[in-house]
C-alpha cells in the first residue's frame, strides 16, 4: 500500500503543471500550423510561378514566330517587330494561359524586342538593341522578351505574421534563327524578281505567283549544281549552303536543261520546300545565293510547278550562324534562350 501511494504521488503532476502543458501544446500546435501553412502557401507560389513562366515562354515563342515576314526584304530587311509584339500579346491573353486560376490580359506583361547575341563579347550585357549589331561573329538573332508577374494570395501564412499577397515574376526570351545557312535543299534556284515585287516603295514577297517553269525562257527558275564540272543536279544537297553578300555566300552553278524526272521525284503536290534565291537564273553561270524563300506546290505538270510562295516558313534545317545581307521569308524554328 505504501509503495502504491508513492507511485501515485510520482505520477500526479504538481498543482498548476497540467495548465502549463496545455499552453505548451497550444503554442507548439500553433507553430506547427504556421509551418504547415507556410509550406502550403509556398507550394502554391511555386505552382503559380511555373504557370507564369509557361505563359511568358509561350508568348515569347509566339512573338518570335511573328517576326516573319521581314519588312522590305533585301539589303534593308528588318524583322517585323510590330507584328511580333502583337502576336506575343495575343498569346498572353489566350484563354488557355492562366495563373492562380486567373486569365492574363494582353497588357499584363511587358513585351520588348531587339537583337540577342548568342556569342557576346566578354562582359557584354544583353540590352536588345533594335539595330543589328555589326559583328556577325557575335551571332545576333532577332528576339522577343516577355516579362510577366502575378500577385499570389497567401491563405495560411498570415497566421504566423507573413504578409499577403506576394508577387511572382518570370521572363521568357525567344529568338528566331535567321536563315543565313540551311541544308537539305532541293537544287532549284529562283530569281529575286520572281519571288519579290515592289509595292508602295516596299519590297514584298509575291504570294500570287502561280506557275514556275524550271529553266524557262522567262528566267524564273533553274536547276543548279555546286560546280560547273557536275553534269546534273544532286537529288538533295545535304551540305549547308550560305546566303549573303557576293563574298560570303555559297556560289552555285546554274545548269542548262529541264530535269523533269528529278523534279517529279523530289516534289509532290501540297509540299512546301525551300528554294535558293539568286539575282537572276541565266544558265551556265556561277552566282551567289542571296537568300532563301519557301514555295508551296499545288501541282506538277511537265517542267512546270504550279503553286505560290509563302511569306512565313520555319525551316528546321536552319541553325543559328554568322551572316549578313539576307532576304527573309524563311527562318529557323523559334527557340527559347536563358535570360
Protein backbone atom coordinates (compact mmCIF):
# COMPACT_ATOMS: atom_id res chain seq x y z
CA UNK A 1 0.00 0.00 0.00
CA UNK A 2 2.82 2.34 0.85
CA UNK A 3 4.53 1.68 -2.44
CA UNK A 4 1.32 2.23 -4.43
CA UNK A 5 0.72 5.56 -2.75
CA UNK A 6 4.26 6.68 -3.54
CA UNK A 7 3.82 5.68 -7.18
CA UNK A 8 0.61 7.69 -7.47
CA UNK A 9 2.33 10.69 -5.94
CA UNK A 10 5.11 10.44 -8.51
CA UNK A 11 2.66 10.20 -11.43
CA UNK A 12 0.50 13.11 -10.28
CA UNK A 13 1.79 16.44 -11.70
CA UNK A 14 2.24 19.24 -9.25
CA UNK A 15 -0.53 21.74 -8.90
CA UNK A 16 -0.71 24.02 -11.99
CA UNK A 17 1.56 21.93 -14.27
CA UNK A 18 -1.38 20.48 -16.26
CA UNK A 19 -2.33 24.01 -17.36
CA UNK A 20 1.24 24.75 -18.44
CA UNK A 21 1.29 21.58 -20.55
CA UNK A 22 -1.87 22.74 -22.29
CA UNK A 23 -0.29 26.12 -23.03
CA UNK A 24 2.85 24.47 -24.37
CA UNK A 25 0.72 22.19 -26.51
CA UNK A 26 -1.20 25.11 -27.94
CA UNK A 27 1.99 27.02 -28.68
CA UNK A 28 3.59 24.04 -30.41
CA UNK A 29 0.37 23.33 -32.27
CA UNK A 30 0.23 26.94 -33.45
CA UNK A 31 3.83 26.84 -34.65
CA UNK A 32 3.23 23.57 -36.48
CA UNK A 33 0.11 25.00 -38.12
CA UNK A 34 2.08 28.09 -39.15
CA UNK A 35 4.86 25.96 -40.63
CA UNK A 36 2.28 23.82 -42.40
CA UNK A 37 0.57 26.95 -43.69
CA UNK A 38 3.85 28.32 -44.98
CA UNK A 39 4.53 25.03 -46.74
CA UNK A 40 1.09 25.04 -48.37
CA UNK A 41 1.34 28.68 -49.44
CA UNK A 42 4.93 28.22 -50.68
CA UNK A 43 3.86 25.23 -52.73
CA UNK A 44 1.07 27.32 -54.23
CA UNK A 45 3.53 30.10 -55.07
CA UNK A 46 5.84 27.61 -56.81
CA UNK A 47 2.90 26.32 -58.85
CA UNK A 48 1.76 29.83 -59.82
CA UNK A 49 5.28 30.87 -60.77
CA UNK A 50 5.55 27.83 -63.06
CA UNK A 51 2.29 28.89 -64.70
CA UNK A 52 3.58 32.45 -65.12
CA UNK A 53 6.84 31.15 -66.63
CA UNK A 54 4.98 28.86 -69.02
CA UNK A 55 2.85 31.78 -70.21
CA UNK A 56 5.86 34.08 -70.64
CA UNK A 57 7.68 31.41 -72.66
CA UNK A 58 4.64 30.75 -74.84
CA UNK A 59 4.18 34.47 -75.52
CA UNK A 60 7.88 34.91 -76.37
CA UNK A 61 7.79 31.97 -78.81
CA UNK A 62 4.62 33.28 -80.45
CA UNK A 63 6.21 36.71 -80.75
CA UNK A 64 9.38 35.29 -82.30
CA UNK A 65 7.29 33.48 -84.90
CA UNK A 66 5.61 36.80 -85.70
CA UNK A 67 8.92 38.33 -86.79
CA UNK A 68 8.25 36.85 -90.25
CA UNK A 69 7.76 38.04 -92.90
CA UNK A 70 10.55 40.62 -92.77
CA UNK A 71 9.72 44.11 -93.89
CA UNK A 72 11.39 45.30 -97.11
CA UNK A 73 13.34 42.08 -97.89
CA UNK A 74 16.77 42.84 -99.27
CA UNK A 75 19.74 44.80 -98.01
CA UNK A 76 17.44 46.85 -95.74
CA UNK A 77 15.37 43.94 -94.46
CA UNK A 78 14.07 44.25 -90.89
CA UNK A 79 12.24 41.80 -88.64
CA UNK A 80 8.55 42.59 -88.29
CA UNK A 81 8.82 43.97 -84.76
CA UNK A 82 5.26 45.35 -84.58
CA UNK A 83 3.70 42.09 -85.73
CA UNK A 84 5.82 40.17 -83.21
CA UNK A 85 4.62 42.32 -80.30
CA UNK A 86 1.00 41.80 -81.37
CA UNK A 87 1.50 38.02 -81.57
CA UNK A 88 3.07 37.94 -78.11
CA UNK A 89 0.26 39.98 -76.56
CA UNK A 90 -2.36 37.80 -78.24
CA UNK A 91 -0.75 34.70 -76.73
CA UNK A 92 -0.68 36.34 -73.29
CA UNK A 93 -4.44 36.80 -73.36
CA UNK A 94 -5.16 33.34 -74.73
CA UNK A 95 -7.82 31.64 -72.61
CA UNK A 96 -5.52 28.65 -72.06
CA UNK A 97 -2.93 30.78 -70.28
CA UNK A 98 -3.86 31.23 -66.64
CA UNK A 99 -2.03 31.58 -63.37
CA UNK A 100 -3.68 31.06 -60.00
CA UNK A 101 -6.86 30.29 -61.98
CA UNK A 102 -6.94 33.81 -63.43
CA UNK A 103 -6.57 34.62 -67.11
CA UNK A 104 -3.99 37.17 -68.24
CA UNK A 105 -4.84 40.32 -70.19
CA UNK A 106 -2.84 41.37 -73.25
CA UNK A 107 -1.26 44.27 -71.37
CA UNK A 108 -0.42 42.35 -68.20
CA UNK A 109 3.12 41.70 -69.42
CA UNK A 110 5.87 43.83 -70.90
CA UNK A 111 6.98 42.87 -74.42
CA UNK A 112 10.40 44.07 -75.60
CA UNK A 113 12.21 43.32 -78.86
CA UNK A 114 15.66 43.61 -80.37
CA UNK A 115 18.75 41.53 -81.15
CA UNK A 116 20.02 38.88 -78.75
CA UNK A 117 23.70 37.93 -79.02
CA UNK A 118 24.27 34.18 -78.79
CA UNK A 119 28.05 34.67 -78.70
CA UNK A 120 28.51 38.05 -76.97
CA UNK A 121 31.90 39.57 -76.23
CA UNK A 122 33.29 39.26 -72.71
CA UNK A 123 31.41 41.38 -70.21
CA UNK A 124 28.58 42.20 -72.60
CA UNK A 125 25.18 42.95 -71.06
CA UNK A 126 22.20 41.93 -73.20
CA UNK A 127 20.23 45.09 -73.95
CA UNK A 128 18.19 44.06 -77.03
CA UNK A 129 19.34 46.79 -79.43
CA UNK A 130 16.92 47.28 -82.31
CA UNK A 131 19.75 48.00 -84.75
CA UNK A 132 21.51 44.85 -85.95
CA UNK A 133 24.97 44.54 -84.33
CA UNK A 134 27.63 44.88 -86.99
CA UNK A 135 29.81 41.99 -85.81
CA UNK A 136 28.26 38.83 -87.28
CA UNK A 137 30.51 36.59 -85.17
CA UNK A 138 28.52 37.63 -82.10
CA UNK A 139 25.59 35.72 -83.64
CA UNK A 140 22.91 38.41 -83.31
CA UNK A 141 19.41 36.96 -83.66
CA UNK A 142 16.10 38.86 -83.51
CA UNK A 143 14.40 38.19 -80.20
CA UNK A 144 11.27 38.84 -78.19
CA UNK A 145 11.42 39.25 -74.41
CA UNK A 146 8.29 38.92 -72.28
CA UNK A 147 8.28 39.96 -68.62
CA UNK A 148 5.26 38.81 -66.63
CA UNK A 149 4.19 38.84 -62.98
CA UNK A 150 1.21 37.94 -60.83
CA UNK A 151 0.21 38.59 -57.21
CA UNK A 152 -0.40 35.41 -55.24
CA UNK A 153 -2.73 35.45 -52.22
CA UNK A 154 -1.47 33.69 -49.09
CA UNK A 155 -4.09 31.91 -47.04
CA UNK A 156 -2.36 30.33 -44.05
CA UNK A 157 0.97 32.16 -43.86
CA UNK A 158 -0.64 35.28 -42.28
CA UNK A 159 -1.27 33.16 -39.19
CA UNK A 160 2.45 33.48 -38.42
CA UNK A 161 2.76 37.09 -39.49
CA UNK A 162 3.71 36.70 -43.17
CA UNK A 163 2.05 39.43 -45.20
CA UNK A 164 -0.12 38.85 -48.27
CA UNK A 165 -0.08 38.91 -51.23
CA UNK A 166 3.31 38.00 -52.73
CA UNK A 167 4.41 38.70 -56.31
CA UNK A 168 5.94 36.04 -58.56
CA UNK A 169 7.64 37.02 -61.81
CA UNK A 170 9.06 35.33 -64.90
CA UNK A 171 10.96 36.27 -68.05
CA UNK A 172 10.63 34.46 -71.37
CA UNK A 173 13.06 35.17 -74.23
CA UNK A 174 12.80 33.56 -77.66
CA UNK A 175 14.99 34.06 -80.72
CA UNK A 176 14.20 33.47 -84.38
CA UNK A 177 17.29 31.94 -86.05
CA UNK A 178 17.82 33.83 -89.29
CA UNK A 179 18.27 31.78 -92.45
CA UNK A 180 21.85 32.58 -93.32
CA UNK A 181 22.64 28.89 -93.62
CA UNK A 182 20.44 25.87 -94.25
CA UNK A 183 20.79 22.33 -95.57
CA UNK A 184 18.85 19.51 -97.25
CA UNK A 185 17.92 21.74 -100.18
CA UNK A 186 16.30 20.70 -103.42
CA UNK A 187 18.68 22.15 -106.06
CA UNK A 188 16.28 24.68 -107.58
CA UNK A 189 17.13 28.38 -107.68
CA UNK A 190 14.68 31.20 -108.41
CA UNK A 191 15.35 34.79 -109.39
CA UNK A 192 14.85 37.63 -106.94
CA UNK A 193 12.28 39.30 -109.20
CA UNK A 194 10.25 36.10 -109.30
CA UNK A 195 9.95 35.96 -105.51
CA UNK A 196 9.55 39.65 -104.70
CA UNK A 197 7.59 42.63 -106.02
CA UNK A 198 7.86 46.30 -105.22
CA UNK A 199 4.66 47.75 -103.78
CA UNK A 200 4.34 51.30 -102.47
CA UNK A 201 8.09 51.65 -102.32
CA UNK A 202 8.48 48.47 -100.23
CA UNK A 203 9.64 45.06 -101.37
CA UNK A 204 7.11 42.32 -100.62
CA UNK A 205 7.02 38.62 -101.39
CA UNK A 206 4.82 37.76 -104.37
CA UNK A 207 2.36 35.28 -102.89
CA UNK A 208 0.29 35.38 -106.12
CA UNK A 209 2.93 33.64 -108.26
CA UNK A 210 1.17 30.54 -109.59
CA UNK A 211 3.43 28.89 -112.16
CA UNK A 212 7.21 28.46 -112.34
CA UNK A 213 8.92 26.61 -115.14
CA UNK A 214 12.38 25.43 -114.18
CA UNK A 215 14.89 26.55 -116.85
CA UNK A 216 12.16 28.55 -118.57
CA UNK A 217 12.77 31.23 -121.18
CA UNK A 218 11.41 33.77 -118.68
CA UNK A 219 14.43 33.20 -116.44
CA UNK A 220 12.27 32.37 -113.44
CA UNK A 221 13.99 29.30 -112.06
CA UNK A 222 16.72 26.81 -112.80
CA UNK A 223 18.45 23.69 -111.58
CA UNK A 224 21.87 24.14 -110.07
CA UNK A 225 24.94 22.16 -109.07
CA UNK A 226 27.75 23.10 -106.75
CA UNK A 227 30.34 23.34 -109.54
CA UNK A 228 30.32 23.63 -113.32
CA UNK A 229 32.02 20.23 -113.51
CA UNK A 230 28.87 18.39 -112.39
CA UNK A 231 26.68 17.22 -115.25
CA UNK A 232 23.40 17.10 -113.36
CA UNK A 233 21.96 18.24 -110.00
CA UNK A 234 22.15 16.07 -106.92
CA UNK A 235 18.90 14.64 -105.60
CA UNK A 236 19.15 16.72 -102.39
CA UNK A 237 22.04 18.87 -101.23
CA UNK A 238 22.70 17.86 -97.64
CA UNK A 239 25.67 20.17 -97.05
CA UNK A 240 24.82 23.58 -95.57
CA UNK A 241 24.56 26.40 -98.10
CA UNK A 242 25.02 30.01 -97.04
CA UNK A 243 23.32 33.19 -98.23
CA UNK A 244 24.82 36.65 -98.04
CA UNK A 245 26.93 39.08 -99.99
CA UNK A 246 28.95 38.12 -103.08
CA UNK A 247 31.98 37.48 -100.89
CA UNK A 248 30.30 35.48 -98.14
CA UNK A 249 27.59 33.49 -99.95
CA UNK A 250 27.83 30.00 -101.39
CA UNK A 251 28.36 30.09 -105.14
CA UNK A 252 26.29 27.72 -107.25
CA UNK A 253 26.36 26.84 -110.93
CA UNK A 254 23.11 27.16 -112.90
CA UNK A 255 22.70 24.19 -115.19
CA UNK A 256 21.01 24.15 -118.60
CA UNK A 257 18.18 21.74 -119.33
CA UNK A 258 14.97 20.66 -117.61
CA UNK A 259 15.31 17.84 -115.08
CA UNK A 260 11.64 16.92 -115.33
CA UNK A 261 12.07 13.40 -113.95
CA UNK A 262 14.09 14.63 -110.98
CA UNK A 263 11.52 17.31 -110.15
CA UNK A 264 8.72 14.75 -110.05
CA UNK A 265 10.86 12.50 -107.87
CA UNK A 266 11.62 15.20 -105.32
CA UNK A 267 8.38 17.17 -105.20
CA UNK A 268 4.73 16.35 -104.61
CA UNK A 269 1.53 18.38 -104.63
CA UNK A 270 0.92 20.10 -101.30
CA UNK A 271 4.60 20.14 -100.38
CA UNK A 272 6.32 23.32 -99.19
CA UNK A 273 10.04 23.46 -99.79
CA UNK A 274 12.88 25.96 -99.52
CA UNK A 275 14.38 27.34 -102.73
CA UNK A 276 17.57 29.33 -103.06
CA UNK A 277 17.20 32.90 -104.30
CA UNK A 278 19.72 34.38 -106.74
CA UNK A 279 19.79 37.68 -108.57
CA UNK A 280 18.99 36.01 -111.90
CA UNK A 281 18.95 32.46 -113.28
CA UNK A 282 20.80 32.93 -116.52
CA UNK A 283 22.06 29.45 -117.38
CA UNK A 284 25.68 28.31 -117.45
CA UNK A 285 26.75 30.89 -114.89
CA UNK A 286 28.16 30.81 -111.36
CA UNK A 287 26.18 33.01 -108.98
CA UNK A 288 25.99 33.60 -105.20
CA UNK A 289 22.96 32.70 -103.12
CA UNK A 290 21.43 35.90 -101.78
CA UNK A 291 18.63 34.40 -99.71
CA UNK A 292 16.04 31.66 -99.30
CA UNK A 293 12.30 31.51 -99.98
CA UNK A 294 9.56 28.94 -99.48
CA UNK A 295 7.31 27.67 -102.28
CA UNK A 296 4.18 25.58 -101.83
CA UNK A 297 3.48 23.21 -104.70
CA UNK A 298 -0.13 22.87 -105.85
CA UNK A 299 0.52 20.70 -108.89
CA UNK A 300 3.29 19.44 -111.19
CA UNK A 301 2.88 19.29 -114.95
CA UNK A 302 5.93 18.54 -117.07
CA UNK A 303 8.66 21.08 -116.17
CA UNK A 304 6.16 23.46 -114.54
CA UNK A 305 5.47 23.84 -110.82
CA UNK A 306 2.12 25.42 -110.05
CA UNK A 307 1.78 26.94 -106.62
CA UNK A 308 2.76 30.04 -104.70
CA UNK A 309 5.42 31.48 -102.45
CA UNK A 310 4.62 31.71 -98.74
CA UNK A 311 5.73 34.60 -96.56
CA UNK A 312 6.22 32.67 -93.32
CA UNK A 313 8.09 29.38 -93.24
CA UNK A 314 10.17 27.85 -90.45
CA UNK A 315 12.89 25.58 -91.79
CA UNK A 316 14.04 23.00 -89.23
CA UNK A 317 17.39 22.77 -91.03
CA UNK A 318 18.33 26.37 -90.16
CA UNK A 319 20.73 26.73 -87.24
CA UNK A 320 21.99 29.98 -85.70
CA UNK A 321 25.05 31.06 -87.68
CA UNK A 322 27.02 34.17 -88.61
CA UNK A 323 25.99 36.06 -91.72
CA UNK A 324 24.89 39.32 -93.26
CA UNK A 325 22.71 40.57 -96.07
CA UNK A 326 19.86 38.06 -96.08
CA UNK A 327 16.40 38.39 -97.60
CA UNK A 328 13.92 36.62 -95.45
CA UNK A 329 10.61 34.88 -95.62
CA UNK A 330 12.32 31.77 -94.25
CA UNK A 331 13.79 31.34 -90.78
CA UNK A 332 14.63 28.61 -88.33
CA UNK A 333 12.38 27.33 -85.59
CA UNK A 334 11.81 29.83 -82.73
CA UNK A 335 13.89 28.85 -79.71
CA UNK A 336 13.91 29.85 -76.04
CA UNK A 337 17.14 31.25 -74.59
CA UNK A 338 18.11 31.87 -70.99
CA UNK A 339 17.93 35.43 -69.62
